[in-house]
């Protein structure tokens, strides 16, 4: 089913500032962002990345303890239920770096283990930073507070909920995201999440 209320778009690489602390955390240590190697790999990364986002706002019902219903299917999760208590609506959101980064990582895996490791950390930090940007955009649109975003596969929220979110966002069309039989996403550097909007 295609929903008409899904908002989607893209960002240019210069609009996304990768969180250096997150990058270094993924690397496992400090790095010199001005080194020739990092600058060269970042330029290569920017050539291949395709930042895309999609989101939809919907009414939320909590019909019973441990069950959340955002109008597109029941989600059984006590952890998500606790996260969404006091909320009357939710955003479902998704972001991706695009398939070009997966292809770049495949190339680097063969060419250089070190370069692959650096770009993989860079990509992981970049998708988190991009998700933060969309998160802030959605929060700014509300007159009330929002809960921390919550992703399928976290806590007791089954990874299978990934399918509900990607179907609701028409993610194959809007984001180019496909799921395998285990509900893992391609492109791999993608994030989906549910964010509760508190009642005013």
C-alpha atoms as a PDB file:
ATOM      1  CA  UNK A   1       0.000   0.000   0.000  1.00  0.00           C
ATOM      2  CA  UNK A   2       1.257   3.490  -0.877  1.00  0.00           C
ATOM      3  CA  UNK A   3       0.525   6.209   1.677  1.00  0.00           C
ATOM      4  CA  UNK A   4       0.098   9.779   0.450  1.00  0.00           C
ATOM      5  CA  UNK A   5       1.260  11.364   3.722  1.00  0.00           C
ATOM      6  CA  UNK A   6       4.874  10.161   3.522  1.00  0.00           C
ATOM      7  CA  UNK A   7       7.316  13.062   3.286  1.00  0.00           C
ATOM      8  CA  UNK A   8      10.649  12.249   1.689  1.00  0.00           C
ATOM      9  CA  UNK A   9      13.661  14.056   0.374  1.00  0.00           C
ATOM     10  CA  UNK A  10      17.437  14.216   0.290  1.00  0.00           C
ATOM     11  CA  UNK A  11      20.382  16.211   1.579  1.00  0.00           C
ATOM     12  CA  UNK A  12      23.715  17.181   0.081  1.00  0.00           C
ATOM     13  CA  UNK A  13      26.950  15.953   1.724  1.00  0.00           C
ATOM     14  CA  UNK A  14      27.857  19.488   2.806  1.00  0.00           C
ATOM     15  CA  UNK A  15      24.594  19.659   4.800  1.00  0.00           C
ATOM     16  CA  UNK A  16      25.579  16.742   7.035  1.00  0.00           C
ATOM     17  CA  UNK A  17      28.323  17.365   9.567  1.00  0.00           C
ATOM     18  CA  UNK A  18      29.585  13.989  10.733  1.00  0.00           C
ATOM     19  CA  UNK A  19      29.931  13.878  14.500  1.00  0.00           C
ATOM     20  CA  UNK A  20      33.672  13.532  15.082  1.00  0.00           C
ATOM     21  CA  UNK A  21      33.245  11.990  18.543  1.00  0.00           C
ATOM     22  CA  UNK A  22      30.954   9.314  17.076  1.00  0.00           C
ATOM     23  CA  UNK A  23      33.418   8.726  14.228  1.00  0.00           C
ATOM     24  CA  UNK A  24      36.284   8.272  16.680  1.00  0.00           C
ATOM     25  CA  UNK A  25      34.151   6.006  18.856  1.00  0.00           C
ATOM     26  CA  UNK A  26      33.470   3.807  15.842  1.00  0.00           C
ATOM     27  CA  UNK A  27      37.176   3.848  14.979  1.00  0.00           C
ATOM     28  CA  UNK A  28      38.130   2.950  18.524  1.00  0.00           C
ATOM     29  CA  UNK A  29      40.447   5.916  19.047  1.00  0.00           C
ATOM     30  CA  UNK A  30      41.440   9.432  18.121  1.00  0.00           C
ATOM     31  CA  UNK A  31      42.155  10.396  14.527  1.00  0.00           C
ATOM     32  CA  UNK A  32      43.536  13.411  12.716  1.00  0.00           C
ATOM     33  CA  UNK A  33      40.672  14.763  10.611  1.00  0.00           C
ATOM     34  CA  UNK A  34      43.167  16.912   8.688  1.00  0.00           C
ATOM     35  CA  UNK A  35      45.374  14.005   7.625  1.00  0.00           C
ATOM     36  CA  UNK A  36      45.695  13.385   3.890  1.00  0.00           C
ATOM     37  CA  UNK A  37      44.240   9.899   4.233  1.00  0.00           C
ATOM     38  CA  UNK A  38      41.084  11.021   6.076  1.00  0.00           C
ATOM     39  CA  UNK A  39      40.545  13.983   3.732  1.00  0.00           C
ATOM     40  CA  UNK A  40      40.969  11.756   0.673  1.00  0.00           C
ATOM     41  CA  UNK A  41      38.587   9.094   2.014  1.00  0.00           C
ATOM     42  CA  UNK A  42      36.017  11.718   2.988  1.00  0.00           C
ATOM     43  CA  UNK A  43      36.096  13.105  -0.557  1.00  0.00           C
ATOM     44  CA  UNK A  44      35.587   9.594  -1.916  1.00  0.00           C
ATOM     45  CA  UNK A  45      32.767   9.030   0.596  1.00  0.00           C
ATOM     46  CA  UNK A  46      31.045  12.273  -0.455  1.00  0.00           C
ATOM     47  CA  UNK A  47      31.177  11.191  -4.109  1.00  0.00           C
ATOM     48  CA  UNK A  48      29.332   7.956  -3.352  1.00  0.00           C
ATOM     49  CA  UNK A  49      26.900   8.933  -0.580  1.00  0.00           C
ATOM     50  CA  UNK A  50      23.225   9.619  -1.281  1.00  0.00           C
ATOM     51  CA  UNK A  51      21.535  11.002   1.845  1.00  0.00           C
ATOM     52  CA  UNK A  52      17.786  10.280   1.754  1.00  0.00           C
ATOM     53  CA  UNK A  53      15.079  10.530   4.383  1.00  0.00           C
ATOM     54  CA  UNK A  54      11.381   9.724   4.752  1.00  0.00           C
ATOM     55  CA  UNK A  55       8.890  10.170   7.559  1.00  0.00           C
ATOM     56  CA  UNK A  56       5.186  10.044   8.326  1.00  0.00           C
ATOM     57  CA  UNK A  57       3.166  11.330  11.288  1.00  0.00           C
ATOM     58  CA  UNK A  58       0.288   9.204  12.559  1.00  0.00           C
ATOM     59  CA  UNK A  59      -2.065   8.831  15.460  1.00  0.00           C
ATOM     60  CA  UNK A  60      -1.089   6.367  18.185  1.00  0.00           C
ATOM     61  CA  UNK A  61      -3.300   4.069  20.225  1.00  0.00           C
ATOM     62  CA  UNK A  62      -2.077   2.039  23.197  1.00  0.00           C
ATOM     63  CA  UNK A  63      -4.924  -0.508  23.413  1.00  0.00           C
ATOM     64  CA  UNK A  64      -3.418  -2.569  26.210  1.00  0.00           C
ATOM     65  CA  UNK A  65      -0.218  -2.823  28.203  1.00  0.00           C
ATOM     66  CA  UNK A  66       2.704  -3.803  26.021  1.00  0.00           C
ATOM     67  CA  UNK A  67       0.884  -3.123  22.734  1.00  0.00           C
ATOM     68  CA  UNK A  68       1.297  -0.076  20.458  1.00  0.00           C
ATOM     69  CA  UNK A  69      -0.871   0.619  17.411  1.00  0.00           C
ATOM     70  CA  UNK A  70       0.210   3.505  15.158  1.00  0.00           C
ATOM     71  CA  UNK A  71      -2.554   2.719  12.685  1.00  0.00           C
ATOM     72  CA  UNK A  72      -0.571   0.483  10.359  1.00  0.00           C
ATOM     73  CA  UNK A  73      -0.245  -2.605  12.547  1.00  0.00           C
ATOM     74  CA  UNK A  74       0.014  -3.695  16.172  1.00  0.00           C
ATOM     75  CA  UNK A  75       3.477  -3.736  17.734  1.00  0.00           C
ATOM     76  CA  UNK A  76       3.950  -5.972  20.760  1.00  0.00           C
ATOM     77  CA  UNK A  77       6.773  -4.539  22.870  1.00  0.00           C
ATOM     78  CA  UNK A  78       6.755  -3.570  26.527  1.00  0.00           C
ATOM     79  CA  UNK A  79       9.877  -1.431  26.056  1.00  0.00           C
ATOM     80  CA  UNK A  80       8.387   0.546  23.155  1.00  0.00           C
ATOM     81  CA  UNK A  81       5.099   0.818  25.073  1.00  0.00           C
ATOM     82  CA  UNK A  82       6.909   2.397  28.025  1.00  0.00           C
ATOM     83  CA  UNK A  83       8.750   4.743  25.661  1.00  0.00           C
ATOM     84  CA  UNK A  84       5.474   5.886  24.076  1.00  0.00           C
ATOM     85  CA  UNK A  85       3.346   6.258  27.200  1.00  0.00           C
ATOM     86  CA  UNK A  86       1.814   9.728  27.290  1.00  0.00           C
ATOM     87  CA  UNK A  87       2.024  10.095  23.510  1.00  0.00           C
ATOM     88  CA  UNK A  88      -0.953  10.521  21.190  1.00  0.00           C
ATOM     89  CA  UNK A  89       0.973  10.480  17.911  1.00  0.00           C
ATOM     90  CA  UNK A  90       4.225   9.134  16.500  1.00  0.00           C
ATOM     91  CA  UNK A  91       6.600   9.754  13.678  1.00  0.00           C
ATOM     92  CA  UNK A  92       7.900   6.803  11.739  1.00  0.00           C
ATOM     93  CA  UNK A  93      11.155   7.797  10.106  1.00  0.00           C
ATOM     94  CA  UNK A  94      13.907   6.325   7.989  1.00  0.00           C
ATOM     95  CA  UNK A  95      17.247   7.508   6.647  1.00  0.00           C
ATOM     96  CA  UNK A  96      19.856   5.966   4.406  1.00  0.00           C
ATOM     97  CA  UNK A  97      23.238   6.710   2.852  1.00  0.00           C
ATOM     98  CA  UNK A  98      22.311   4.848  -0.334  1.00  0.00           C
ATOM     99  CA  UNK A  99      23.652   1.777  -2.081  1.00  0.00           C
ATOM    100  CA  UNK A 100      26.743   3.643  -3.326  1.00  0.00           C
ATOM    101  CA  UNK A 101      28.319   3.409   0.132  1.00  0.00           C
ATOM    102  CA  UNK A 102      27.754  -0.357   0.272  1.00  0.00           C
ATOM    103  CA  UNK A 103      29.486  -0.667  -3.097  1.00  0.00           C
ATOM    104  CA  UNK A 104      32.348   1.549  -1.941  1.00  0.00           C
ATOM    105  CA  UNK A 105      32.826  -0.568   1.178  1.00  0.00           C
ATOM    106  CA  UNK A 106      32.855  -3.738  -0.943  1.00  0.00           C
ATOM    107  CA  UNK A 107      35.587  -2.231  -3.135  1.00  0.00           C
ATOM    108  CA  UNK A 108      37.661  -1.098  -0.157  1.00  0.00           C
ATOM    109  CA  UNK A 109      37.321  -4.481   1.538  1.00  0.00           C
ATOM    110  CA  UNK A 110      39.358  -5.936  -1.319  1.00  0.00           C
ATOM    111  CA  UNK A 111      41.702  -2.975  -1.794  1.00  0.00           C
ATOM    112  CA  UNK A 112      42.646  -2.010   1.756  1.00  0.00           C
ATOM    113  CA  UNK A 113      41.514  -3.329   5.121  1.00  0.00           C
ATOM    114  CA  UNK A 114      42.557  -0.068   6.789  1.00  0.00           C
ATOM    115  CA  UNK A 115      40.624   2.122   4.345  1.00  0.00           C
ATOM    116  CA  UNK A 116      37.591  -0.143   4.645  1.00  0.00           C
ATOM    117  CA  UNK A 117      37.691   0.142   8.433  1.00  0.00           C
ATOM    118  CA  UNK A 118      37.949   3.948   8.314  1.00  0.00           C
ATOM    119  CA  UNK A 119      35.161   4.435   5.766  1.00  0.00           C
ATOM    120  CA  UNK A 120      32.899   1.944   7.541  1.00  0.00           C
ATOM    121  CA  UNK A 121      33.310   3.960  10.766  1.00  0.00           C
ATOM    122  CA  UNK A 122      32.761   7.180   8.813  1.00  0.00           C
ATOM    123  CA  UNK A 123      29.555   5.798   7.266  1.00  0.00           C
ATOM    124  CA  UNK A 124      28.204   4.568  10.600  1.00  0.00           C
ATOM    125  CA  UNK A 125      28.830   7.981  12.159  1.00  0.00           C
ATOM    126  CA  UNK A 126      27.352   9.741   9.111  1.00  0.00           C
ATOM    127  CA  UNK A 127      24.049   7.845   9.156  1.00  0.00           C
ATOM    128  CA  UNK A 128      23.666   8.568  12.892  1.00  0.00           C
ATOM    129  CA  UNK A 129      24.416  12.265  12.309  1.00  0.00           C
ATOM    130  CA  UNK A 130      21.913  12.408   9.445  1.00  0.00           C
ATOM    131  CA  UNK A 131      19.284  10.692  11.579  1.00  0.00           C
ATOM    132  CA  UNK A 132      19.915  13.304  14.289  1.00  0.00           C
ATOM    133  CA  UNK A 133      19.292  16.064  11.729  1.00  0.00           C
ATOM    134  CA  UNK A 134      15.910  14.599  10.725  1.00  0.00           C
ATOM    135  CA  UNK A 135      15.105  13.947  14.386  1.00  0.00           C
ATOM    136  CA  UNK A 136      15.686  17.651  15.198  1.00  0.00           C
ATOM    137  CA  UNK A 137      13.675  18.718  12.148  1.00  0.00           C
ATOM    138  CA  UNK A 138      10.657  16.723  13.338  1.00  0.00           C
ATOM    139  CA  UNK A 139      10.957  17.924  16.934  1.00  0.00           C
ATOM    140  CA  UNK A 140      11.073  21.519  15.739  1.00  0.00           C
ATOM    141  CA  UNK A 141       7.751  21.005  13.937  1.00  0.00           C
ATOM    142  CA  UNK A 142       5.946  20.067  17.162  1.00  0.00           C
ATOM    143  CA  UNK A 143       4.538  22.310  19.896  1.00  0.00           C
ATOM    144  CA  UNK A 144       5.200  19.663  22.516  1.00  0.00           C
ATOM    145  CA  UNK A 145       8.050  17.396  23.546  1.00  0.00           C
ATOM    146  CA  UNK A 146       8.974  14.193  21.752  1.00  0.00           C
ATOM    147  CA  UNK A 147      10.278  10.957  23.167  1.00  0.00           C
ATOM    148  CA  UNK A 148      13.704   9.537  22.216  1.00  0.00           C
ATOM    149  CA  UNK A 149      13.519   7.717  18.905  1.00  0.00           C
ATOM    150  CA  UNK A 150      13.297   3.938  19.162  1.00  0.00           C
ATOM    151  CA  UNK A 151      14.461   1.508  16.475  1.00  0.00           C
ATOM    152  CA  UNK A 152      13.229  -2.009  15.663  1.00  0.00           C
ATOM    153  CA  UNK A 153      15.549  -4.640  17.126  1.00  0.00           C
ATOM    154  CA  UNK A 154      16.258  -2.565  20.238  1.00  0.00           C
ATOM    155  CA  UNK A 155      15.196  -3.924  23.632  1.00  0.00           C
ATOM    156  CA  UNK A 156      12.272  -6.303  23.233  1.00  0.00           C
ATOM    157  CA  UNK A 157      11.026  -4.608  20.047  1.00  0.00           C
ATOM    158  CA  UNK A 158      11.390  -7.309  17.407  1.00  0.00           C
ATOM    159  CA  UNK A 159      13.507  -6.676  14.321  1.00  0.00           C
ATOM    160  CA  UNK A 160      10.403  -7.826  12.404  1.00  0.00           C
ATOM    161  CA  UNK A 161       8.881  -4.393  13.138  1.00  0.00           C
ATOM    162  CA  UNK A 162      11.357  -3.163  10.510  1.00  0.00           C
ATOM    163  CA  UNK A 163       8.945  -4.433   7.863  1.00  0.00           C
ATOM    164  CA  UNK A 164       6.028  -2.505   9.327  1.00  0.00           C
ATOM    165  CA  UNK A 165       8.060   0.727   9.331  1.00  0.00           C
ATOM    166  CA  UNK A 166       9.525   0.290   5.852  1.00  0.00           C
ATOM    167  CA  UNK A 167       6.114  -0.634   4.423  1.00  0.00           C
ATOM    168  CA  UNK A 168       4.539   2.432   6.055  1.00  0.00           C
ATOM    169  CA  UNK A 169       7.253   4.669   4.586  1.00  0.00           C
ATOM    170  CA  UNK A 170       7.086   2.936   1.190  1.00  0.00           C
ATOM    171  CA  UNK A 171      10.834   2.683   1.741  1.00  0.00           C
ATOM    172  CA  UNK A 172      11.601   0.705  -1.411  1.00  0.00           C
ATOM    173  CA  UNK A 173      10.389   3.709  -3.433  1.00  0.00           C
ATOM    174  CA  UNK A 174      11.233   6.643  -1.174  1.00  0.00           C
ATOM    175  CA  UNK A 175      14.567   5.441   0.210  1.00  0.00           C
ATOM    176  CA  UNK A 176      15.650   2.528  -1.960  1.00  0.00           C
ATOM    177  CA  UNK A 177      15.639   0.275   1.129  1.00  0.00           C
ATOM    178  CA  UNK A 178      14.946  -3.427   0.774  1.00  0.00           C
ATOM    179  CA  UNK A 179      14.665  -6.044   3.525  1.00  0.00           C
ATOM    180  CA  UNK A 180      16.010  -9.578   3.451  1.00  0.00           C
ATOM    181  CA  UNK A 181      14.303 -12.573   5.067  1.00  0.00           C
ATOM    182  CA  UNK A 182      15.848 -11.621   8.439  1.00  0.00           C
ATOM    183  CA  UNK A 183      14.573  -8.029   8.128  1.00  0.00           C
ATOM    184  CA  UNK A 184      18.060  -6.564   7.737  1.00  0.00           C
ATOM    185  CA  UNK A 185      18.221  -3.567   5.438  1.00  0.00           C
ATOM    186  CA  UNK A 186      20.008  -2.918   2.174  1.00  0.00           C
ATOM    187  CA  UNK A 187      21.614  -0.373   1.942  1.00  0.00           C
ATOM    188  CA  UNK A 188      23.234  -1.452   5.182  1.00  0.00           C
ATOM    189  CA  UNK A 189      23.914   2.105   6.371  1.00  0.00           C
ATOM    190  CA  UNK A 190      20.244   2.840   7.019  1.00  0.00           C
ATOM    191  CA  UNK A 191      18.213   3.539  10.145  1.00  0.00           C
ATOM    192  CA  UNK A 192      14.486   3.321  10.846  1.00  0.00           C
ATOM    193  CA  UNK A 193      12.879   4.544  14.035  1.00  0.00           C
ATOM    194  CA  UNK A 194       9.648   5.419  15.815  1.00  0.00           C
ATOM    195  CA  UNK A 195       9.468   8.681  17.777  1.00  0.00           C
ATOM    196  CA  UNK A 196       6.604   9.448  20.126  1.00  0.00           C
ATOM    197  CA  UNK A 197       4.983  12.899  20.284  1.00  0.00           C
ATOM    198  CA  UNK A 198       3.760  13.711  23.785  1.00  0.00           C
ATOM    199  CA  UNK A 199       0.206  14.869  24.352  1.00  0.00           C
ATOM    200  CA  UNK A 200       0.060  18.647  24.808  1.00  0.00           C
END
